[in-house]
N, C-alpha and C. Protein backbone atom coordinates (compact mmCIF):
# COMPACT_ATOMS: atom_id res chain seq x y z
N MET A 1 0.76 -1.22 0.05
CA MET A 1 -0.15 0.10 0.24
C MET A 1 0.73 1.19 -0.15
N LEU A 2 1.88 1.49 0.89
CA LEU A 2 2.86 2.43 0.81
C LEU A 2 3.32 2.61 -0.85
N ASN A 3 3.92 1.63 -1.12
CA ASN A 3 4.46 1.55 -2.60
C ASN A 3 3.28 2.54 -3.48
N ARG A 4 2.37 1.81 -3.54
CA ARG A 4 0.83 2.58 -4.30
C ARG A 4 0.95 4.47 -3.75
N ILE A 5 1.17 4.46 -2.67
CA ILE A 5 0.76 5.87 -2.28
C ILE A 5 1.97 6.51 -2.98
N LYS A 6 3.35 6.36 -2.68
CA LYS A 6 4.50 6.46 -3.17
C LYS A 6 4.19 6.81 -4.74
N GLY A 7 3.94 6.10 -5.63
CA GLY A 7 3.58 6.19 -6.95
C GLY A 7 2.73 7.06 -6.96
N ILE A 8 1.61 7.55 -6.21
CA ILE A 8 0.42 8.35 -6.80
C ILE A 8 1.32 9.72 -6.21
N LEU A 9 2.10 9.89 -5.11
CA LEU A 9 2.71 11.25 -4.96
C LEU A 9 3.82 11.83 -6.00
N GLU A 10 4.27 10.37 -6.76
CA GLU A 10 5.25 10.99 -7.66
C GLU A 10 4.69 11.51 -8.83
N GLY A 11 3.58 10.81 -8.84
CA GLY A 11 2.65 11.20 -10.05
C GLY A 11 2.31 12.90 -10.08
N LEU A 12 2.37 13.20 -8.70
CA LEU A 12 1.93 14.88 -8.75
C LEU A 12 2.96 15.47 -8.38
N GLY A 13 4.32 15.01 -8.59
CA GLY A 13 5.53 15.64 -8.17
C GLY A 13 5.80 16.01 -7.13
N LEU A 14 5.53 14.91 -6.09
CA LEU A 14 5.87 15.01 -4.75
C LEU A 14 6.44 13.73 -4.49
N GLY A 15 7.09 13.41 -3.13
CA GLY A 15 7.48 12.40 -2.45
C GLY A 15 6.90 11.74 -1.43
N MET A 16 7.70 10.90 -0.98
CA MET A 16 7.34 10.56 0.72
C MET A 16 7.56 11.74 1.52
N GLY A 17 8.80 12.47 1.19
CA GLY A 17 9.32 13.31 2.20
C GLY A 17 8.42 14.93 2.41
N ASP A 18 7.32 14.60 1.07
CA ASP A 18 6.27 15.86 1.26
C ASP A 18 5.06 15.46 2.16
N VAL A 19 5.22 14.38 2.89
CA VAL A 19 3.71 13.40 3.84
C VAL A 19 4.47 14.36 4.86
N ILE A 20 3.06 15.28 5.05
CA ILE A 20 2.85 15.73 6.49
C ILE A 20 2.21 15.00 7.70
N LYS A 21 1.22 14.14 6.98
CA LYS A 21 0.03 13.48 8.20
C LYS A 21 0.13 12.38 7.53
N MET A 22 -0.22 11.30 8.40
CA MET A 22 -0.92 10.08 8.12
C MET A 22 -1.99 9.37 8.65
N GLN A 23 -3.08 8.88 8.25
CA GLN A 23 -3.89 8.30 9.62
C GLN A 23 -4.30 7.08 8.47
N VAL A 24 -4.03 6.10 9.71
CA VAL A 24 -3.98 4.24 9.31
C VAL A 24 -5.35 4.14 10.16
N PHE A 25 -5.80 3.40 9.20
CA PHE A 25 -7.24 2.38 9.81
C PHE A 25 -6.91 0.77 9.82
N LEU A 26 -6.69 0.00 10.75
CA LEU A 26 -6.08 -1.20 10.73
C LEU A 26 -7.43 -2.08 11.09
N VAL A 27 -7.49 -3.21 10.34
CA VAL A 27 -8.90 -3.85 10.81
C VAL A 27 -8.45 -4.79 12.12
N HIS A 28 -9.27 -4.54 13.08
CA HIS A 28 -9.03 -5.51 14.26
C HIS A 28 -10.40 -6.12 14.46
N SER A 29 -10.47 -7.67 14.39
CA SER A 29 -11.84 -8.65 15.07
C SER A 29 -10.88 -9.64 15.43
N PRO A 30 -11.81 -10.51 15.84
CA PRO A 30 -11.38 -11.86 16.24
C PRO A 30 -10.58 -12.64 15.17
N ASN A 31 -11.67 -12.72 14.03
CA ASN A 31 -10.69 -13.38 12.70
C ASN A 31 -9.56 -12.76 12.22
N ALA A 32 -9.28 -11.26 12.33
CA ALA A 32 -8.17 -10.63 11.80
C ALA A 32 -7.72 -9.33 12.78
N PRO A 33 -6.78 -10.06 13.69
CA PRO A 33 -6.50 -9.13 14.76
C PRO A 33 -5.59 -8.21 14.03
N MET A 34 -5.76 -6.92 14.83
CA MET A 34 -4.66 -5.87 14.21
C MET A 34 -3.31 -5.97 13.83
N ASP A 35 -2.68 -5.73 13.17
CA ASP A 35 -1.48 -6.14 12.74
C ASP A 35 -0.52 -5.05 12.86
N PHE A 36 0.01 -4.29 14.10
CA PHE A 36 0.36 -3.15 13.99
C PHE A 36 1.84 -3.37 13.80
N LYS A 37 2.61 -4.39 14.24
CA LYS A 37 3.83 -4.76 14.05
C LYS A 37 4.18 -4.60 12.53
N ALA A 38 3.46 -5.18 11.76
CA ALA A 38 3.59 -5.14 10.16
C ALA A 38 3.62 -3.72 9.56
N PHE A 39 2.51 -3.08 10.25
CA PHE A 39 2.30 -1.81 9.94
C PHE A 39 3.59 -0.88 9.96
N MET A 40 4.32 -1.36 11.17
CA MET A 40 5.00 -0.37 11.51
C MET A 40 6.91 -0.48 11.14
N GLU A 41 6.47 -2.14 10.66
CA GLU A 41 7.93 -2.76 9.46
C GLU A 41 7.56 -1.87 8.61
N GLY A 42 6.65 -1.88 7.57
CA GLY A 42 6.38 -1.09 6.60
C GLY A 42 6.79 0.46 6.49
N TYR A 43 6.36 0.96 7.40
CA TYR A 43 6.28 2.39 7.77
C TYR A 43 7.68 2.72 7.95
N THR A 44 8.66 2.05 8.57
CA THR A 44 9.74 1.98 8.84
C THR A 44 10.46 1.86 7.71
N GLN A 45 10.42 1.09 6.67
CA GLN A 45 11.04 1.30 5.44
C GLN A 45 10.78 2.42 4.70
N PHE A 46 9.42 3.31 4.59
CA PHE A 46 9.24 4.18 3.76
C PHE A 46 9.96 5.63 4.47
N PHE A 47 10.09 5.23 5.79
CA PHE A 47 10.29 6.94 6.69
C PHE A 47 10.99 6.54 8.01
N GLY A 48 12.26 5.75 7.55
CA GLY A 48 13.17 5.17 8.56
C GLY A 48 14.37 6.38 8.49
N GLY A 49 15.77 5.68 8.68
CA GLY A 49 16.98 6.59 8.76
C GLY A 49 16.92 7.60 7.74
N SER A 50 17.11 7.34 6.74
CA SER A 50 17.45 8.65 5.64
C SER A 50 15.89 9.42 5.12
N GLN A 51 14.90 9.36 5.89
CA GLN A 51 13.67 10.12 5.89
C GLN A 51 13.65 11.21 7.13
N PRO A 52 14.39 12.40 6.89
CA PRO A 52 14.45 13.22 7.97
C PRO A 52 13.15 13.72 8.18
N ASN A 53 11.95 14.06 7.98
CA ASN A 53 10.91 14.51 8.24
C ASN A 53 9.74 13.37 8.28
N LEU A 54 9.75 12.81 9.73
CA LEU A 54 8.46 12.18 9.68
C LEU A 54 7.26 12.55 10.01
N PRO A 55 6.53 12.04 9.34
CA PRO A 55 5.00 12.46 9.46
C PRO A 55 4.24 12.66 10.38
N ALA A 56 3.73 13.37 11.05
CA ALA A 56 2.51 12.96 11.89
C ALA A 56 1.65 11.64 11.64
N ARG A 57 1.06 10.78 12.94
CA ARG A 57 0.37 9.58 12.20
C ARG A 57 -0.41 9.25 13.41
N SER A 58 -1.46 8.75 12.94
CA SER A 58 -2.38 8.19 13.96
C SER A 58 -2.82 6.70 13.45
N VAL A 59 -2.91 5.72 14.26
CA VAL A 59 -3.33 4.12 13.81
C VAL A 59 -4.34 3.89 14.48
N VAL A 60 -5.73 3.32 13.89
CA VAL A 60 -6.90 3.23 14.38
C VAL A 60 -7.15 1.77 14.28
N GLY A 61 -7.61 1.06 15.26
CA GLY A 61 -8.24 -0.28 15.09
C GLY A 61 -9.71 -0.08 14.64
N VAL A 62 -10.32 -0.58 13.49
CA VAL A 62 -11.50 -0.72 13.24
C VAL A 62 -12.06 -1.95 12.85
N ALA A 63 -13.44 -2.09 13.11
CA ALA A 63 -14.34 -3.60 13.09
C ALA A 63 -14.13 -3.89 11.73
N SER A 64 -14.20 -2.81 10.62
CA SER A 64 -14.17 -3.75 9.25
C SER A 64 -13.86 -1.88 8.27
N LEU A 65 -13.58 -2.21 7.19
CA LEU A 65 -13.39 -0.88 5.89
C LEU A 65 -14.90 -1.34 4.94
N ALA A 66 -14.82 -0.31 4.33
CA ALA A 66 -15.41 -0.42 3.22
C ALA A 66 -15.76 -1.41 2.21
N ASN A 67 -14.22 -1.85 1.80
CA ASN A 67 -14.48 -3.14 1.02
C ASN A 67 -13.79 -4.26 2.16
N PRO A 68 -14.71 -5.16 2.29
CA PRO A 68 -14.57 -6.37 3.31
C PRO A 68 -13.31 -6.83 3.01
N GLY A 69 -12.53 -7.00 1.93
CA GLY A 69 -11.45 -7.89 1.61
C GLY A 69 -10.39 -6.99 2.38
N PHE A 70 -10.43 -5.59 2.20
CA PHE A 70 -8.99 -4.78 3.06
C PHE A 70 -8.86 -4.81 4.52
N LEU A 71 -7.78 -4.83 4.69
CA LEU A 71 -7.05 -5.02 6.17
C LEU A 71 -6.69 -4.07 6.79
N VAL A 72 -6.28 -2.73 5.94
CA VAL A 72 -5.96 -1.69 6.23
C VAL A 72 -6.13 -0.52 5.16
N GLU A 73 -6.26 0.49 5.30
CA GLU A 73 -6.47 1.95 4.60
C GLU A 73 -5.92 2.81 5.33
N ILE A 74 -5.07 3.96 4.35
CA ILE A 74 -4.07 4.79 4.79
C ILE A 74 -4.59 6.13 3.71
N GLU A 75 -4.53 6.95 4.86
CA GLU A 75 -4.73 8.30 4.22
C GLU A 75 -3.46 9.08 4.53
N VAL A 76 -3.31 10.14 3.51
CA VAL A 76 -2.03 10.77 3.60
C VAL A 76 -2.45 12.30 3.22
N VAL A 77 -1.67 13.28 3.76
CA VAL A 77 -1.81 14.44 3.73
C VAL A 77 -0.30 15.06 3.20
N ALA A 78 0.05 15.63 1.72
CA ALA A 78 1.35 16.02 1.71
C ALA A 78 1.06 17.56 1.15
N ALA A 79 2.28 18.03 1.34
CA ALA A 79 2.32 19.25 1.20
C ALA A 79 4.10 19.75 0.49
N LYS A 80 3.99 20.43 -0.58
CA LYS A 80 5.28 21.01 -1.04
C LYS A 80 5.97 22.25 -0.37
N ASP A 81 6.85 22.36 -0.22
CA ASP A 81 7.39 23.75 0.42
C ASP A 81 7.69 24.58 -1.25
N ALA A 82 7.33 25.83 -1.04
CA ALA A 82 7.22 26.77 -2.10
C ALA A 82 8.73 26.99 -2.32
N LYS A 83 9.84 26.56 -1.80
CA LYS A 83 10.73 27.18 -1.56
C LYS A 83 11.83 26.49 -3.21
């Protein structure tokens, strides 16, 4: 999912370094426990050591998403410095 977000941003002339806020929804149910550890592993790949500005983020466990096959939904806000 983060690769897809990266591609969308690049198509707009932005990068992951321009992300200022993330809101993450992880499905949490007895059949599909919320996998925060896996999310953090992916997050660290994109916002780890070489990424100087970490976005503000919130992670929320939800019972389900609009598409019942999805286990994660991520919303990002990105802004480009005018300089």
